[in-house]
Every structure is written in C-alpha cells, then in structure tokens.
Amino acid sequence: MTRSPRLERVTPATVDAALALRVHPHQERNVAPVTNSLAEAYAYGETAWPRLILDGDRLVGFVMAFLDIVWDEKKDPGDRRSGLWRLNISADAQGAGYGRFAVEAVAEELRRRGADRMYVTWEPGGDGPGEFYRRLGFRTTGEKSGGQTVGVLDL
C-alpha cells in the first residue's frame, strides 16, 4: 500500500474525529490532547497553525505550529520564534513515519514564511519524545520552557 500523507485544515466535518484522536496511554503525560490544542489555536488566532494529518481518508494525527511569537517577553521582547507546538500521532498509526512527515511539513511551511529556525519543546525523560526530535536534527538550546527542554532545528 502506498502512503500519501497530507496536512489538512480542521473543518466542521473533521472536528469530531480530531477531538477523538488518542496517543498511546503512556504518552498522554507528554502531549496535551487535541481538545487543548484547538482551544489554544482559537485563543492565539493567526499565530497558531493547526492541521490534521491524513493518509487517504484516514486521520492519523494532529500537528500545530506556532508562528512568529515573542518567546519570553520578560527576557527579550524582540526574540520572536516559530516552531512545532504540538504533535499527536494516533496510537494505531505510530511507527509508520507520520511524525517525521508532520515535522518536515511544518519545517517547509516555516521556510515558506521566511523562518530560518524551527523550535520545539518536549518533556524531559527517557519516555518522552526527545530522542525522536534529536533523530530529526533538533539540538537542545540549554533553555527550559515551563520545565520542558527546548530544541532548535536550523532550516
């Protein structure tokens, strides 16, 4: 079977499927559910870029980018960043390359918008996604954001 993953906007026709998406139970502490992401996307408006990951008609995941936000207002109000905000791959679709596809698709969108770096944060620890992001080329910055490790990828 040939896979053809793509990103699509969340629509009234797909929102219920998006809200039902679940990661493996042991990963739930590492990533917020899609419900949280869609609420944040609504609140943050144009600085959030939420997309469904589909393969054919099958929903396999959700990804959300953040676009040109001030990273730490107190530290440096001029430090604007873009990156990967959320990545949820359905428990039954993991290990098939959809996470890599989603990260690469976000990187392409950020390049298209003129970004030269892509940021991501992750829960530290052996069962978190840190190794996945490092395999994709992210390096840690030494920063923490809300207790999470900050990584960056040069685009």
Protein backbone atom coordinates (compact mmCIF):
# COMPACT_ATOMS: atom_id res chain seq x y z
CA MET A 1 0.00 0.00 0.00
CA THR A 2 1.36 3.40 -0.98
CA ARG A 3 1.10 6.00 1.72
CA SER A 4 0.30 9.57 0.80
CA PRO A 5 0.11 11.62 3.99
CA ARG A 6 -1.01 15.22 3.78
CA LEU A 7 -1.98 18.07 6.07
CA GLU A 8 -5.50 19.48 6.05
CA ARG A 9 -7.26 22.24 7.98
CA VAL A 10 -9.65 21.25 10.74
CA THR A 11 -13.19 21.76 9.43
CA PRO A 12 -16.69 21.26 10.82
CA ALA A 13 -16.70 17.90 9.01
CA THR A 14 -13.45 16.74 10.67
CA VAL A 15 -13.50 18.34 14.11
CA ASP A 16 -15.17 15.38 15.87
CA ALA A 17 -12.58 12.96 14.50
CA ALA A 18 -9.83 15.36 15.58
CA LEU A 19 -11.22 15.55 19.10
CA ALA A 20 -11.37 11.75 19.31
CA LEU A 21 -7.69 11.29 18.36
CA ARG A 22 -5.72 9.49 21.09
CA VAL A 23 -2.00 8.81 21.53
CA HIS A 24 -0.68 5.77 23.40
CA PRO A 25 -1.77 5.98 27.06
CA HIS A 26 1.87 6.11 28.26
CA GLN A 27 2.38 9.22 26.07
CA GLU A 28 -0.53 11.21 27.47
CA ARG A 29 1.67 12.91 30.05
CA ASN A 30 4.00 14.13 27.27
CA VAL A 31 1.49 15.84 24.98
CA ALA A 32 -1.75 17.73 25.54
CA PRO A 33 -4.86 16.35 23.85
CA VAL A 34 -6.17 17.83 20.61
CA THR A 35 -9.01 19.49 22.57
CA ASN A 36 -6.45 21.70 24.34
CA SER A 37 -4.67 22.46 21.07
CA LEU A 38 -7.83 23.56 19.29
CA ALA A 39 -8.79 25.79 22.22
CA GLU A 40 -5.30 27.33 22.16
CA ALA A 41 -5.48 27.77 18.38
CA TYR A 42 -8.75 29.64 18.80
CA ALA A 43 -7.30 31.86 21.54
CA TYR A 44 -3.99 32.57 19.75
CA GLY A 45 -5.56 33.22 16.34
CA GLU A 46 -3.15 33.77 13.46
CA THR A 47 -0.08 32.73 15.47
CA ALA A 48 -1.36 29.13 15.68
CA TRP A 49 -1.31 26.81 12.66
CA PRO A 50 -3.32 23.62 13.48
CA ARG A 51 -3.54 20.82 10.90
CA LEU A 52 -4.80 17.27 10.71
CA ILE A 53 -2.50 14.58 9.35
CA LEU A 54 -4.40 12.37 6.94
CA ASP A 55 -3.38 9.36 4.90
CA GLY A 56 -6.04 8.91 2.29
CA ASP A 57 -9.27 9.33 4.25
CA ARG A 58 -7.73 8.06 7.49
CA LEU A 59 -6.93 10.53 10.28
CA VAL A 60 -3.52 9.53 11.65
CA GLY A 61 -2.53 12.59 13.65
CA PHE A 62 -2.61 16.26 14.51
CA VAL A 63 0.13 18.87 14.35
CA MET A 64 0.15 22.52 15.35
CA ALA A 65 2.82 25.12 14.72
CA PHE A 66 3.34 28.47 16.39
CA LEU A 67 4.19 31.36 14.10
CA ASP A 68 6.38 34.33 14.95
CA ILE A 69 5.60 34.66 18.66
CA VAL A 70 7.57 36.52 21.31
CA TRP A 71 9.35 33.70 23.14
CA ASP A 72 9.94 35.33 26.54
CA GLU A 73 8.53 38.83 26.96
CA LYS A 74 10.41 39.42 30.24
CA LYS A 75 13.77 38.21 28.96
CA ASP A 76 13.81 39.61 25.42
CA PRO A 77 10.69 41.10 23.79
CA GLY A 78 12.49 41.06 20.42
CA ASP A 79 13.09 37.29 20.45
CA ARG A 80 10.43 36.08 18.02
CA ARG A 81 10.26 32.38 17.18
CA SER A 82 8.29 29.87 15.15
CA GLY A 83 8.13 26.14 15.61
CA LEU A 84 6.32 22.96 16.44
CA TRP A 85 3.79 23.46 19.22
CA ARG A 86 2.01 20.11 19.30
CA LEU A 87 2.35 16.71 17.65
CA ASN A 88 -0.15 13.92 18.32
CA ILE A 89 0.10 10.71 16.32
CA SER A 90 -2.76 8.27 16.79
CA ALA A 91 -1.80 5.22 18.87
CA ASP A 92 -2.63 2.90 15.97
CA ALA A 93 -0.60 4.92 13.43
CA GLN A 94 2.70 5.29 15.29
CA GLY A 95 5.93 3.96 13.84
CA ALA A 96 4.82 4.49 10.25
CA GLY A 97 6.64 7.79 9.57
CA TYR A 98 3.73 10.16 10.15
CA GLY A 99 5.52 12.07 12.91
CA ARG A 100 8.54 12.64 10.68
CA PHE A 101 6.23 13.68 7.82
CA ALA A 102 4.46 16.21 10.09
CA VAL A 103 7.70 17.75 11.38
CA GLU A 104 9.05 18.05 7.83
CA ALA A 105 5.77 19.61 6.64
CA VAL A 106 5.88 22.20 9.43
CA ALA A 107 9.53 22.93 8.60
CA GLU A 108 8.56 23.51 4.96
CA GLU A 109 5.73 25.84 5.97
CA LEU A 110 8.07 27.82 8.22
CA ARG A 111 10.68 28.07 5.44
CA ARG A 112 7.92 29.31 3.11
CA ARG A 113 7.15 32.02 5.68
CA GLY A 114 10.81 33.06 5.86
CA ALA A 115 11.91 31.35 9.09
CA ASP A 116 15.45 30.03 9.35
CA ARG A 117 14.97 28.09 12.60
CA MET A 118 12.27 25.84 13.98
CA TYR A 119 11.80 25.41 17.72
CA VAL A 120 10.13 22.65 19.73
CA THR A 121 9.77 21.82 23.41
CA TRP A 122 9.40 18.38 24.97
CA GLU A 123 9.00 16.72 28.31
CA PRO A 124 12.40 15.52 29.51
CA GLY A 125 12.95 11.89 30.40
CA GLY A 126 13.50 8.55 28.76
CA ASP A 127 9.88 8.01 27.77
CA GLY A 128 9.49 11.48 26.24
CA PRO A 129 9.92 12.42 22.57
CA GLY A 130 13.40 13.94 22.94
CA GLU A 131 15.18 11.15 21.07
CA PHE A 132 12.67 11.40 18.20
CA TYR A 133 13.38 15.12 17.81
CA ARG A 134 17.14 14.63 18.07
CA ARG A 135 16.99 11.99 15.28
CA LEU A 136 15.29 14.60 13.11
CA GLY A 137 18.17 17.02 13.67
CA PHE A 138 16.97 19.15 16.59
CA ARG A 139 19.62 20.13 19.12
CA THR A 140 18.95 21.30 22.63
CA THR A 141 19.42 25.01 23.30
CA GLY A 142 20.07 24.72 27.04
CA GLU A 143 16.85 26.64 27.70
CA LYS A 144 13.79 25.42 29.56
CA SER A 145 10.23 26.49 28.91
CA GLY A 146 7.73 25.56 31.60
CA GLY A 147 10.08 22.75 32.70
CA GLN A 148 10.34 21.40 29.16
CA THR A 149 13.50 21.02 27.12
CA VAL A 150 13.84 23.47 24.22
CA GLY A 151 15.21 22.23 20.91
CA VAL A 152 16.02 24.04 17.67
CA LEU A 153 16.48 22.91 14.08
CA ASP A 154 18.24 25.07 11.52
CA LEU A 155 16.12 25.33 8.40
